[in-house]
Amino acid sequence: KLKKFIEEFEQNGELKYMQQLQKVANRSRRVVEISMDDLEDMDEDLASSLRMNTRRYLSLLGQAIDQCMPEPDGQLEEEDVLDVLLQQRMQVRNGQEEAQRDQETQIPLELKRRFEV
């Protein structure tokens, strides 16, 4: 439901949240602002559940955003700390055996996120 909300919610004929995600992908924005009014307009039960269990739904919302995140469509800002860390991890991974690589150098998705909800 959250993924559908992010992908399909329209305001003034535009996909409001997908536009925000594109800006995050292009690194011109870091925060994804979700309006509770928008959520209520689309699904009142989901909005109510989010209010009752906010911490759990913020985690689910982050996962839905990860699934919906588009590829960058423009020139990215210069490299940031995450870029450097990911490059170093990949270099280490290339020098290790397959079994060790997956267990020791796997980067959790939450650490790769470039956004806040």
PDB file of N, CA and C in Angstrom:
ATOM      1  N   LYS A   1       0.813  -1.199   0.000  1.00  0.00           N
ATOM      2  CA  LYS A   1       0.000   0.000   0.000  1.00  0.00           C
ATOM      3  C   LYS A   1       0.857   1.264   0.000  1.00  0.00           C
ATOM      4  N   LEU A   2       1.935   1.251   0.792  1.00  0.00           N
ATOM      5  CA  LEU A   2       2.795   2.434   0.853  1.00  0.00           C
ATOM      6  C   LEU A   2       3.495   2.671  -0.481  1.00  0.00           C
ATOM      7  N   LYS A   3       3.951   1.598  -1.108  1.00  0.00           N
ATOM      8  CA  LYS A   3       4.614   1.729  -2.404  1.00  0.00           C
ATOM      9  C   LYS A   3       3.644   2.305  -3.435  1.00  0.00           C
ATOM     10  N   LYS A   4       2.428   1.796  -3.424  1.00  0.00           N
ATOM     11  CA  LYS A   4       1.405   2.294  -4.361  1.00  0.00           C
ATOM     12  C   LYS A   4       1.138   3.780  -4.106  1.00  0.00           C
ATOM     13  N   PHE A   5       1.045   4.155  -2.833  1.00  0.00           N
ATOM     14  CA  PHE A   5       0.828   5.550  -2.469  1.00  0.00           C
ATOM     15  C   PHE A   5       1.948   6.432  -3.023  1.00  0.00           C
ATOM     16  N   ILE A   6       3.183   6.027  -2.821  1.00  0.00           N
ATOM     17  CA  ILE A   6       4.323   6.824  -3.283  1.00  0.00           C
ATOM     18  C   ILE A   6       4.336   6.932  -4.811  1.00  0.00           C
ATOM     19  N   GLU A   7       4.065   5.830  -5.471  1.00  0.00           N
ATOM     20  CA  GLU A   7       4.134   5.803  -6.932  1.00  0.00           C
ATOM     21  C   GLU A   7       2.963   6.502  -7.614  1.00  0.00           C
ATOM     22  N   GLU A   8       1.790   6.488  -6.970  1.00  0.00           N
ATOM     23  CA  GLU A   8       0.586   6.919  -7.671  1.00  0.00           C
ATOM     24  C   GLU A   8      -0.070   8.195  -7.166  1.00  0.00           C
ATOM     25  N   PHE A   9       0.344   8.718  -6.010  1.00  0.00           N
ATOM     26  CA  PHE A   9      -0.339   9.892  -5.483  1.00  0.00           C
ATOM     27  C   PHE A   9      -0.073  11.099  -6.372  1.00  0.00           C
ATOM     28  N   GLU A  10      -1.157  11.724  -6.820  1.00  0.00           N
ATOM     29  CA  GLU A  10      -1.058  12.894  -7.694  1.00  0.00           C
ATOM     30  C   GLU A  10      -1.583  14.133  -6.991  1.00  0.00           C
ATOM     31  N   GLN A  11      -0.929  15.242  -7.267  1.00  0.00           N
ATOM     32  CA  GLN A  11      -1.394  16.539  -6.801  1.00  0.00           C
ATOM     33  C   GLN A  11      -1.195  17.513  -7.958  1.00  0.00           C
ATOM     34  N   ASN A  12      -2.266  18.161  -8.341  1.00  0.00           N
ATOM     35  CA  ASN A  12      -2.236  19.082  -9.485  1.00  0.00           C
ATOM     36  C   ASN A  12      -1.740  18.393 -10.759  1.00  0.00           C
ATOM     37  N   GLY A  13      -2.130  17.124 -10.928  1.00  0.00           N
ATOM     38  CA  GLY A  13      -1.771  16.381 -12.133  1.00  0.00           C
ATOM     39  C   GLY A  13      -0.343  15.881 -12.173  1.00  0.00           C
ATOM     40  N   GLU A  14       0.381  15.994 -11.079  1.00  0.00           N
ATOM     41  CA  GLU A  14       1.777  15.550 -11.033  1.00  0.00           C
ATOM     42  C   GLU A  14       1.955  14.511  -9.933  1.00  0.00           C
ATOM     43  N   LEU A  15       2.881  13.591 -10.144  1.00  0.00           N
ATOM     44  CA  LEU A  15       3.178  12.567  -9.146  1.00  0.00           C
ATOM     45  C   LEU A  15       4.048  13.202  -8.054  1.00  0.00           C
ATOM     46  N   LYS A  16       3.403  13.653  -7.002  1.00  0.00           N
ATOM     47  CA  LYS A  16       4.050  14.448  -5.963  1.00  0.00           C
ATOM     48  C   LYS A  16       5.264  13.762  -5.347  1.00  0.00           C
ATOM     49  N   TYR A  17       5.117  12.523  -4.919  1.00  0.00           N
ATOM     50  CA  TYR A  17       6.196  11.861  -4.196  1.00  0.00           C
ATOM     51  C   TYR A  17       7.270  11.321  -5.126  1.00  0.00           C
ATOM     52  N   MET A  18       6.900  10.937  -6.327  1.00  0.00           N
ATOM     53  CA  MET A  18       7.914  10.494  -7.282  1.00  0.00           C
ATOM     54  C   MET A  18       8.808  11.666  -7.691  1.00  0.00           C
ATOM     55  N   GLN A  19       8.252  12.872  -7.720  1.00  0.00           N
ATOM     56  CA  GLN A  19       9.079  14.053  -8.001  1.00  0.00           C
ATOM     57  C   GLN A  19      10.087  14.285  -6.876  1.00  0.00           C
ATOM     58  N   GLN A  20       9.627  14.097  -5.635  1.00  0.00           N
ATOM     59  CA  GLN A  20      10.548  14.243  -4.505  1.00  0.00           C
ATOM     60  C   GLN A  20      11.662  13.198  -4.592  1.00  0.00           C
ATOM     61  N   LEU A  21      11.287  11.963  -4.936  1.00  0.00           N
ATOM     62  CA  LEU A  21      12.284  10.894  -5.020  1.00  0.00           C
ATOM     63  C   LEU A  21      13.293  11.163  -6.133  1.00  0.00           C
ATOM     64  N   GLN A  22      12.833  11.739  -7.233  1.00  0.00           N
ATOM     65  CA  GLN A  22      13.768  12.061  -8.316  1.00  0.00           C
ATOM     66  C   GLN A  22      14.789  13.086  -7.844  1.00  0.00           C
ATOM     67  N   LYS A  23      14.339  14.048  -7.049  1.00  0.00           N
ATOM     68  CA  LYS A  23      15.265  15.044  -6.501  1.00  0.00           C
ATOM     69  C   LYS A  23      16.250  14.396  -5.528  1.00  0.00           C
ATOM     70  N   VAL A  24      15.783  13.418  -4.755  1.00  0.00           N
ATOM     71  CA  VAL A  24      16.681  12.692  -3.857  1.00  0.00           C
ATOM     72  C   VAL A  24      17.700  11.905  -4.683  1.00  0.00           C
ATOM     73  N   ALA A  25      17.232  11.237  -5.728  1.00  0.00           N
ATOM     74  CA  ALA A  25      18.131  10.458  -6.588  1.00  0.00           C
ATOM     75  C   ALA A  25      19.177  11.346  -7.234  1.00  0.00           C
ATOM     76  N   ASN A  26      18.791  12.569  -7.573  1.00  0.00           N
ATOM     77  CA  ASN A  26      19.717  13.518  -8.192  1.00  0.00           C
ATOM     78  C   ASN A  26      20.565  14.260  -7.159  1.00  0.00           C
ATOM     79  N   ARG A  27      20.317  13.965  -5.892  1.00  0.00           N
ATOM     80  CA  ARG A  27      21.044  14.537  -4.753  1.00  0.00           C
ATOM     81  C   ARG A  27      20.827  16.032  -4.566  1.00  0.00           C
ATOM     82  N   SER A  28      19.692  16.515  -5.019  1.00  0.00           N
ATOM     83  CA  SER A  28      19.383  17.921  -4.774  1.00  0.00           C
ATOM     84  C   SER A  28      18.435  18.057  -3.577  1.00  0.00           C
ATOM     85  N   ARG A  29      18.075  16.932  -2.979  1.00  0.00           N
ATOM     86  CA  ARG A  29      17.181  16.918  -1.826  1.00  0.00           C
ATOM     87  C   ARG A  29      17.526  15.711  -0.967  1.00  0.00           C
ATOM     88  N   ARG A  30      17.365  15.852   0.365  1.00  0.00           N
ATOM     89  CA  ARG A  30      17.653  14.735   1.272  1.00  0.00           C
ATOM     90  C   ARG A  30      16.425  14.245   2.041  1.00  0.00           C
ATOM     91  N   VAL A  31      15.421  15.080   2.169  1.00  0.00           N
ATOM     92  CA  VAL A  31      14.265  14.736   2.988  1.00  0.00           C
ATOM     93  C   VAL A  31      13.060  14.445   2.095  1.00  0.00           C
ATOM     94  N   VAL A  32      12.387  13.330   2.381  1.00  0.00           N
ATOM     95  CA  VAL A  32      11.135  13.001   1.701  1.00  0.00           C
ATOM     96  C   VAL A  32      10.019  13.325   2.687  1.00  0.00           C
ATOM     97  N   GLU A  33       9.236  14.328   2.363  1.00  0.00           N
ATOM     98  CA  GLU A  33       8.159  14.762   3.248  1.00  0.00           C
ATOM     99  C   GLU A  33       6.858  14.111   2.816  1.00  0.00           C
ATOM    100  N   ILE A  34       6.284  13.328   3.727  1.00  0.00           N
ATOM    101  CA  ILE A  34       5.020  12.660   3.456  1.00  0.00           C
ATOM    102  C   ILE A  34       3.936  13.375   4.245  1.00  0.00           C
ATOM    103  N   SER A  35       2.921  13.845   3.563  1.00  0.00           N
ATOM    104  CA  SER A  35       1.816  14.546   4.209  1.00  0.00           C
ATOM    105  C   SER A  35       0.773  13.541   4.697  1.00  0.00           C
ATOM    106  N   MET A  36       0.429  13.639   5.971  1.00  0.00           N
ATOM    107  CA  MET A  36      -0.614  12.758   6.514  1.00  0.00           C
ATOM    108  C   MET A  36      -1.948  13.028   5.832  1.00  0.00           C
ATOM    109  N   ASP A  37      -2.206  14.266   5.438  1.00  0.00           N
ATOM    110  CA  ASP A  37      -3.446  14.583   4.720  1.00  0.00           C
ATOM    111  C   ASP A  37      -3.501  13.835   3.391  1.00  0.00           C
ATOM    112  N   ASP A  38      -2.365  13.773   2.699  1.00  0.00           N
ATOM    113  CA  ASP A  38      -2.319  13.025   1.434  1.00  0.00           C
ATOM    114  C   ASP A  38      -2.586  11.551   1.675  1.00  0.00           C
ATOM    115  N   LEU A  39      -1.982  11.023   2.711  1.00  0.00           N
ATOM    116  CA  LEU A  39      -2.155   9.610   3.032  1.00  0.00           C
ATOM    117  C   LEU A  39      -3.606   9.315   3.385  1.00  0.00           C
ATOM    118  N   GLU A  40      -4.230  10.200   4.164  1.00  0.00           N
ATOM    119  CA  GLU A  40      -5.639  10.025   4.511  1.00  0.00           C
ATOM    120  C   GLU A  40      -6.537  10.087   3.283  1.00  0.00           C
ATOM    121  N   ASP A  41      -6.220  10.987   2.350  1.00  0.00           N
ATOM    122  CA  ASP A  41      -7.011  11.090   1.125  1.00  0.00           C
ATOM    123  C   ASP A  41      -6.973   9.798   0.330  1.00  0.00           C
ATOM    124  N   MET A  42      -5.838   9.120   0.355  1.00  0.00           N
ATOM    125  CA  MET A  42      -5.680   7.897  -0.436  1.00  0.00           C
ATOM    126  C   MET A  42      -6.172   6.666   0.324  1.00  0.00           C
ATOM    127  N   ASP A  43      -5.897   6.595   1.639  1.00  0.00           N
ATOM    128  CA  ASP A  43      -6.247   5.405   2.418  1.00  0.00           C
ATOM    129  C   ASP A  43      -6.324   5.775   3.900  1.00  0.00           C
ATOM    130  N   GLU A  44      -7.526   5.979   4.399  1.00  0.00           N
ATOM    131  CA  GLU A  44      -7.702   6.396   5.797  1.00  0.00           C
ATOM    132  C   GLU A  44      -7.222   5.343   6.783  1.00  0.00           C
ATOM    133  N   ASP A  45      -7.426   4.066   6.461  1.00  0.00           N
ATOM    134  CA  ASP A  45      -6.988   2.995   7.363  1.00  0.00           C
ATOM    135  C   ASP A  45      -5.460   2.982   7.502  1.00  0.00           C
ATOM    136  N   LEU A  46      -4.782   3.172   6.392  1.00  0.00           N
ATOM    137  CA  LEU A  46      -3.328   3.195   6.412  1.00  0.00           C
ATOM    138  C   LEU A  46      -2.822   4.394   7.222  1.00  0.00           C
ATOM    139  N   ALA A  47      -3.451   5.538   7.048  1.00  0.00           N
ATOM    140  CA  ALA A  47      -3.065   6.728   7.809  1.00  0.00           C
ATOM    141  C   ALA A  47      -3.271   6.501   9.302  1.00  0.00           C
ATOM    142  N   SER A  48      -4.368   5.866   9.651  1.00  0.00           N
ATOM    143  CA  SER A  48      -4.651   5.561  11.052  1.00  0.00           C
ATOM    144  C   SER A  48      -3.612   4.588  11.619  1.00  0.00           C
ATOM    145  N   SER A  49      -3.265   3.577  10.846  1.00  0.00           N
ATOM    146  CA  SER A  49      -2.256   2.609  11.281  1.00  0.00           C
ATOM    147  C   SER A  49      -0.909   3.285  11.485  1.00  0.00           C
ATOM    148  N   LEU A  50      -0.571   4.221  10.610  1.00  0.00           N
ATOM    149  CA  LEU A  50       0.692   4.936  10.731  1.00  0.00           C
ATOM    150  C   LEU A  50       0.720   5.753  12.025  1.00  0.00           C
ATOM    151  N   ARG A  51      -0.391   6.374  12.340  1.00  0.00           N
ATOM    152  CA  ARG A  51      -0.450   7.156  13.593  1.00  0.00           C
ATOM    153  C   ARG A  51      -0.309   6.264  14.823  1.00  0.00           C
ATOM    154  N   MET A  52      -0.891   5.073  14.759  1.00  0.00           N
ATOM    155  CA  MET A  52      -0.889   4.173  15.916  1.00  0.00           C
ATOM    156  C   MET A  52       0.466   3.477  16.110  1.00  0.00           C
ATOM    157  N   ASN A  53       1.210   3.286  15.022  1.00  0.00           N
ATOM    158  CA  ASN A  53       2.477   2.563  15.093  1.00  0.00           C
ATOM    159  C   ASN A  53       3.512   3.258  14.204  1.00  0.00           C
ATOM    160  N   THR A  54       3.819   4.481  14.534  1.00  0.00           N
ATOM    161  CA  THR A  54       4.646   5.339  13.688  1.00  0.00           C
ATOM    162  C   THR A  54       6.026   4.753  13.413  1.00  0.00           C
ATOM    163  N   ARG A  55       6.690   4.259  14.428  1.00  0.00           N
ATOM    164  CA  ARG A  55       8.053   3.742  14.243  1.00  0.00           C
ATOM    165  C   ARG A  55       8.081   2.614  13.215  1.00  0.00           C
ATOM    166  N   ARG A  56       7.166   1.683  13.334  1.00  0.00           N
ATOM    167  CA  ARG A  56       7.112   0.552  12.395  1.00  0.00           C
ATOM    168  C   ARG A  56       6.813   1.045  10.982  1.00  0.00           C
ATOM    169  N   TYR A  57       5.883   1.963  10.855  1.00  0.00           N
ATOM    170  CA  TYR A  57       5.496   2.430   9.530  1.00  0.00           C
ATOM    171  C   TYR A  57       6.559   3.330   8.901  1.00  0.00           C
ATOM    172  N   LEU A  58       7.347   4.023   9.695  1.00  0.00           N
ATOM    173  CA  LEU A  58       8.461   4.782   9.128  1.00  0.00           C
ATOM    174  C   LEU A  58       9.477   3.837   8.496  1.00  0.00           C
ATOM    175  N   SER A  59       9.705   2.703   9.152  1.00  0.00           N
ATOM    176  CA  SER A  59      10.595   1.693   8.590  1.00  0.00           C
ATOM    177  C   SER A  59      10.022   1.140   7.285  1.00  0.00           C
ATOM    178  N   LEU A  60       8.741   0.828   7.282  1.00  0.00           N
ATOM    179  CA  LEU A  60       8.087   0.322   6.074  1.00  0.00           C
ATOM    180  C   LEU A  60       8.084   1.371   4.966  1.00  0.00           C
ATOM    181  N   LEU A  61       7.906   2.613   5.348  1.00  0.00           N
ATOM    182  CA  LEU A  61       7.920   3.702   4.375  1.00  0.00           C
ATOM    183  C   LEU A  61       9.309   3.832   3.748  1.00  0.00           C
ATOM    184  N   GLY A  62      10.343   3.699   4.554  1.00  0.00           N
ATOM    185  CA  GLY A  62      11.711   3.721   4.030  1.00  0.00           C
ATOM    186  C   GLY A  62      11.945   2.598   3.037  1.00  0.00           C
ATOM    187  N   GLN A  63      11.436   1.405   3.337  1.00  0.00           N
ATOM    188  CA  GLN A  63      11.574   0.277   2.414  1.00  0.00           C
ATOM    189  C   GLN A  63      10.815   0.533   1.119  1.00  0.00           C
ATOM    190  N   ALA A  64       9.623   1.104   1.222  1.00  0.00           N
ATOM    191  CA  ALA A  64       8.834   1.413   0.027  1.00  0.00           C
ATOM    192  C   ALA A  64       9.556   2.459  -0.826  1.00  0.00           C
ATOM    193  N   ILE A  65      10.153   3.441  -0.181  1.00  0.00           N
ATOM    194  CA  ILE A  65      10.905   4.468  -0.911  1.00  0.00           C
ATOM    195  C   ILE A  65      12.104   3.841  -1.611  1.00  0.00           C
ATOM    196  N   ASP A  66      12.791   2.912  -0.925  1.00  0.00           N
ATOM    197  CA  ASP A  66      13.915   2.219  -1.559  1.00  0.00           C
ATOM    198  C   ASP A  66      13.465   1.523  -2.842  1.00  0.00           C
ATOM    199  N   GLN A  67      12.301   0.895  -2.803  1.00  0.00           N
ATOM    200  CA  GLN A  67      11.784   0.167  -3.963  1.00  0.00           C
ATOM    201  C   GLN A  67      11.363   1.106  -5.093  1.00  0.00           C
ATOM    202  N   CYS A  68      10.927   2.297  -4.766  1.00  0.00           N
ATOM    203  CA  CYS A  68      10.420   3.250  -5.761  1.00  0.00           C
ATOM    204  C   CYS A  68      11.484   4.211  -6.281  1.00  0.00           C
ATOM    205  N   MET A  69      12.635   4.236  -5.643  1.00  0.00           N
ATOM    206  CA  MET A  69      13.655   5.239  -5.970  1.00  0.00           C
ATOM    207  C   MET A  69      14.082   5.132  -7.435  1.00  0.00           C
ATOM    208  N   PRO A  70      13.908   6.210  -8.188  1.00  0.00           N
ATOM    209  CA  PRO A  70      14.329   6.192  -9.591  1.00  0.00           C
ATOM    210  C   PRO A  70      15.842   6.371  -9.715  1.00  0.00           C
ATOM    211  N   GLU A  71      16.352   6.112 -10.897  1.00  0.00           N
ATOM    212  CA  GLU A  71      17.760   6.368 -11.190  1.00  0.00           C
ATOM    213  C   GLU A  71      17.958   7.878 -11.352  1.00  0.00           C
ATOM    214  N   PRO A  72      19.138   8.378 -11.054  1.00  0.00           N
ATOM    215  CA  PRO A  72      19.402   9.801 -11.295  1.00  0.00           C
ATOM    216  C   PRO A  72      19.209  10.134 -12.774  1.00  0.00           C
ATOM    217  N   ASP A  73      18.647  11.293 -13.052  1.00  0.00           N
ATOM    218  CA  ASP A  73      18.411  11.662 -14.448  1.00  0.00           C
ATOM    219  C   ASP A  73      19.218  12.883 -14.877  1.00  0.00           C
ATOM    220  N   GLY A  74      20.083  13.329 -14.023  1.00  0.00           N
ATOM    221  CA  GLY A  74      20.863  14.522 -14.352  1.00  0.00           C
ATOM    222  C   GLY A  74      22.263  14.414 -13.790  1.00  0.00           C
ATOM    223  N   GLN A  75      22.957  15.509 -13.837  1.00  0.00           N
ATOM    224  CA  GLN A  75      24.312  15.575 -13.298  1.00  0.00           C
ATOM    225  C   GLN A  75      24.242  15.515 -11.776  1.00  0.00           C
ATOM    226  N   LEU A  76      24.997  14.594 -11.193  1.00  0.00           N
ATOM    227  CA  LEU A  76      25.016  14.462  -9.739  1.00  0.00           C
ATOM    228  C   LEU A  76      25.970  15.481  -9.141  1.00  0.00           C
ATOM    229  N   GLU A  77      25.699  15.796  -7.890  1.00  0.00           N
ATOM    230  CA  GLU A  77      26.625  16.650  -7.157  1.00  0.00           C
ATOM    231  C   GLU A  77      27.952  15.896  -7.042  1.00  0.00           C
ATOM    232  N   GLU A  78      28.969  16.539  -6.533  1.00  0.00           N
ATOM    233  CA  GLU A  78      30.256  15.864  -6.383  1.00  0.00           C
ATOM    234  C   GLU A  78      30.132  14.725  -5.386  1.00  0.00           C
ATOM    235  N   GLU A  79      31.126  13.844  -5.388  1.00  0.00           N
ATOM    236  CA  GLU A  79      31.087  12.674  -4.517  1.00  0.00           C
ATOM    237  C   GLU A  79      30.931  13.090  -3.059  1.00  0.00           C
ATOM    238  N   ASP A  80      30.159  12.288  -2.347  1.00  0.00           N
ATOM    239  CA  ASP A  80      30.026  12.535  -0.915  1.00  0.00           C
ATOM    240  C   ASP A  80      30.672  11.377  -0.159  1.00  0.00           C
ATOM    241  N   VAL A  81      30.567  11.403   1.152  1.00  0.00           N
ATOM    242  CA  VAL A  81      31.206  10.392   2.001  1.00  0.00           C
ATOM    243  C   VAL A  81      30.695   8.994   1.655  1.00  0.00           C
ATOM    244  N   LEU A  82      29.410   8.853   1.408  1.00  0.00           N
ATOM    245  CA  LEU A  82      28.858   7.541   1.096  1.00  0.00           C
ATOM    246  C   LEU A  82      29.468   6.977  -0.182  1.00  0.00           C
ATOM    247  N   ASP A  83      29.659   7.815  -1.188  1.00  0.00           N
ATOM    248  CA  ASP A  83      30.291   7.361  -2.425  1.00  0.00           C
ATOM    249  C   ASP A  83      31.680   6.789  -2.156  1.00  0.00           C
ATOM    250  N   VAL A  84      32.455   7.496  -1.362  1.00  0.00           N
ATOM    251  CA  VAL A  84      33.818   7.065  -1.048  1.00  0.00           C
ATOM    252  C   VAL A  84      33.786   5.741  -0.295  1.00  0.00           C
ATOM    253  N   LEU A  85      32.914   5.633   0.701  1.00  0.00           N
ATOM    254  CA  LEU A  85      32.818   4.389   1.470  1.00  0.00           C
ATOM    255  C   LEU A  85      32.394   3.212   0.594  1.00  0.00           C
ATOM    256  N   LEU A  86      31.413   3.427  -0.281  1.00  0.00           N
ATOM    257  CA  LEU A  86      30.962   2.355  -1.171  1.00  0.00           C
ATOM    258  C   LEU A  86      32.078   1.920  -2.119  1.00  0.00           C
ATOM    259  N   GLN A  87      32.845   2.868  -2.627  1.00  0.00           N
ATOM    260  CA  GLN A  87      33.958   2.524  -3.515  1.00  0.00           C
ATOM    261  C   GLN A  87      35.019   1.711  -2.773  1.00  0.00           C
ATOM    262  N   GLN A  88      35.319   2.097  -1.540  1.00  0.00           N
ATOM    263  CA  GLN A  88      36.298   1.349  -0.756  1.00  0.00           C
ATOM    264  C   GLN A  88      35.799  -0.056  -0.462  1.00  0.00           C
ATOM    265  N   ARG A  89      34.523  -0.178  -0.117  1.00  0.00           N
ATOM    266  CA  ARG A  89      33.959  -1.502   0.140  1.00  0.00           C
ATOM    267  C   ARG A  89      34.035  -2.392  -1.096  1.00  0.00           C
ATOM    268  N   MET A  90      33.749  -1.807  -2.255  1.00  0.00           N
ATOM    269  CA  MET A  90      33.798  -2.588  -3.485  1.00  0.00           C
ATOM    270  C   MET A  90      35.224  -3.030  -3.792  1.00  0.00           C
ATOM    271  N   GLN A  91      36.213  -2.205  -3.515  1.00  0.00           N
ATOM    272  CA  GLN A  91      37.599  -2.587  -3.727  1.00  0.00           C
ATOM    273  C   GLN A  91      37.992  -3.733  -2.811  1.00  0.00           C
ATOM    274  N   VAL A  92      37.554  -3.669  -1.559  1.00  0.00           N
ATOM    275  CA  VAL A  92      37.829  -4.746  -0.607  1.00  0.00           C
ATOM    276  C   VAL A  92      37.136  -6.022  -1.060  1.00  0.00           C
ATOM    277  N   ARG A  93      35.895  -5.896  -1.498  1.00  0.00           N
ATOM    278  CA  ARG A  93      35.130  -7.062  -1.936  1.00  0.00           C
ATOM    279  C   ARG A  93      35.803  -7.748  -3.118  1.00  0.00           C
ATOM    280  N   ASN A  94      36.356  -6.981  -4.023  1.00  0.00           N
ATOM    281  CA  ASN A  94      36.988  -7.559  -5.201  1.00  0.00           C
ATOM    282  C   ASN A  94      38.220  -8.385  -4.842  1.00  0.00           C
ATOM    283  N   GLY A  95      38.826  -8.130  -3.698  1.00  0.00           N
ATOM    284  CA  GLY A  95      40.014  -8.861  -3.287  1.00  0.00           C
ATOM    285  C   GLY A  95      39.745 -10.033  -2.354  1.00  0.00           C
ATOM    286  N   GLN A  96      38.504 -10.282  -2.001  1.00  0.00           N
ATOM    287  CA  GLN A  96      38.187 -11.351  -1.049  1.00  0.00           C
ATOM    288  C   GLN A  96      37.539 -12.539  -1.747  1.00  0.00           C
ATOM    289  N   GLU A  97      37.542 -13.662  -1.031  1.00  0.00           N
ATOM    290  CA  GLU A  97      36.870 -14.843  -1.560  1.00  0.00           C
ATOM    291  C   GLU A  97      35.364 -14.664  -1.468  1.00  0.00           C
ATOM    292  N   GLU A  98      34.631 -15.416  -2.264  1.00  0.00           N
ATOM    293  CA  GLU A  98      33.171 -15.293  -2.373  1.00  0.00           C
ATOM    294  C   GLU A  98      32.462 -15.452  -1.030  1.00  0.00           C
ATOM    295  N   ALA A  99      32.807 -16.452  -0.248  1.00  0.00           N
ATOM    296  CA  ALA A  99      32.100 -16.726   1.010  1.00  0.00           C
ATOM    297  C   ALA A  99      32.275 -15.604   2.019  1.00  0.00           C
ATOM    298  N   GLN A 100      33.500 -15.129   2.159  1.00  0.00           N
ATOM    299  CA  GLN A 100      33.752 -14.059   3.106  1.00  0.00           C
ATOM    300  C   GLN A 100      33.137 -12.753   2.642  1.00  0.00           C
ATOM    301  N   ARG A 101      33.172 -12.524   1.375  1.00  0.00           N
ATOM    302  CA  ARG A 101      32.700 -11.264   0.813  1.00  0.00           C
ATOM    303  C   ARG A 101      31.254 -10.995   1.208  1.00  0.00           C
ATOM    304  N   ASP A 102      30.385 -11.951   1.044  1.00  0.00           N
ATOM    305  CA  ASP A 102      28.972 -11.730   1.301  1.00  0.00           C
ATOM    306  C   ASP A 102      28.684 -11.452   2.773  1.00  0.00           C
ATOM    307  N   GLN A 103      29.396 -12.110   3.665  1.00  0.00           N
ATOM    308  CA  GLN A 103      29.122 -11.945   5.088  1.00  0.00           C
ATOM    309  C   GLN A 103      29.755 -10.689   5.674  1.00  0.00           C
ATOM    310  N   GLU A 104      30.957 -10.377   5.271  1.00  0.00           N
ATOM    311  CA  GLU A 104      31.710  -9.318   5.937  1.00  0.00           C
ATOM    312  C   GLU A 104      31.559  -7.941   5.304  1.00  0.00           C
ATOM    313  N   THR A 105      31.290  -7.876   4.019  1.00  0.00           N
ATOM    314  CA  THR A 105      31.292  -6.569   3.368  1.00  0.00           C
ATOM    315  C   THR A 105      29.927  -6.157   2.834  1.00  0.00           C
ATOM    316  N   GLN A 106      28.914  -6.919   3.109  1.00  0.00           N
ATOM    317  CA  GLN A 106      27.567  -6.545   2.679  1.00  0.00           C
ATOM    318  C   GLN A 106      27.149  -5.277   3.424  1.00  0.00           C
ATOM    319  N   ILE A 107      26.744  -4.275   2.688  1.00  0.00           N
ATOM    320  CA  ILE A 107      26.336  -3.012   3.303  1.00  0.00           C
ATOM    321  C   ILE A 107      24.822  -3.029   3.449  1.00  0.00           C
ATOM    322  N   PRO A 108      24.325  -2.860   4.657  1.00  0.00           N
ATOM    323  CA  PRO A 108      22.873  -2.836   4.840  1.00  0.00           C
ATOM    324  C   PRO A 108      22.237  -1.699   4.045  1.00  0.00           C
ATOM    325  N   LEU A 109      21.078  -1.975   3.483  1.00  0.00           N
ATOM    326  CA  LEU A 109      20.384  -1.000   2.661  1.00  0.00           C
ATOM    327  C   LEU A 109      20.132   0.303   3.415  1.00  0.00           C
ATOM    328  N   GLU A 110      19.854   0.200   4.709  1.00  0.00           N
ATOM    329  CA  GLU A 110      19.570   1.388   5.510  1.00  0.00           C
ATOM    330  C   GLU A 110      20.759   2.350   5.535  1.00  0.00           C
ATOM    331  N   LEU A 111      21.978   1.804   5.439  1.00  0.00           N
ATOM    332  CA  LEU A 111      23.174   2.653   5.468  1.00  0.00           C
ATOM    333  C   LEU A 111      23.449   3.300   4.113  1.00  0.00           C
ATOM    334  N   LYS A 112      22.860   2.766   3.050  1.00  0.00           N
ATOM    335  CA  LYS A 112      23.066   3.333   1.722  1.00  0.00           C
ATOM    336  C   LYS A 112      22.060   4.422   1.394  1.00  0.00           C
ATOM    337  N   ARG A 113      21.065   4.592   2.217  1.00  0.00           N
ATOM    338  CA  ARG A 113      20.006   5.565   1.931  1.00  0.00           C
ATOM    339  C   ARG A 113      20.553   6.979   1.929  1.00  0.00           C
ATOM    340  N   ARG A 114      20.072   7.746   0.992  1.00  0.00           N
ATOM    341  CA  ARG A 114      20.452   9.152   0.888  1.00  0.00           C
ATOM    342  C   ARG A 114      19.265  10.043   1.223  1.00  0.00           C
ATOM    343  N   PHE A 115      18.355   9.543   2.036  1.00  0.00           N
ATOM    344  CA  PHE A 115      17.163  10.317   2.364  1.00  0.00           C
ATOM    345  C   PHE A 115      16.752  10.076   3.799  1.00  0.00           C
ATOM    346  N   GLU A 116      15.926  10.987   4.286  1.00  0.00           N
ATOM    347  CA  GLU A 116      15.271  10.872   5.588  1.00  0.00           C
ATOM    348  C   GLU A 116      13.780  10.981   5.344  1.00  0.00           C
ATOM    349  N   VAL A 117      12.998  10.285   6.157  1.00  0.00           N
ATOM    350  CA  VAL A 117      11.531  10.357   6.030  1.00  0.00           C
ATOM    351  C   VAL A 117      11.007  11.200   7.159  1.00  0.00           C
TER     352      VAL A 117
END
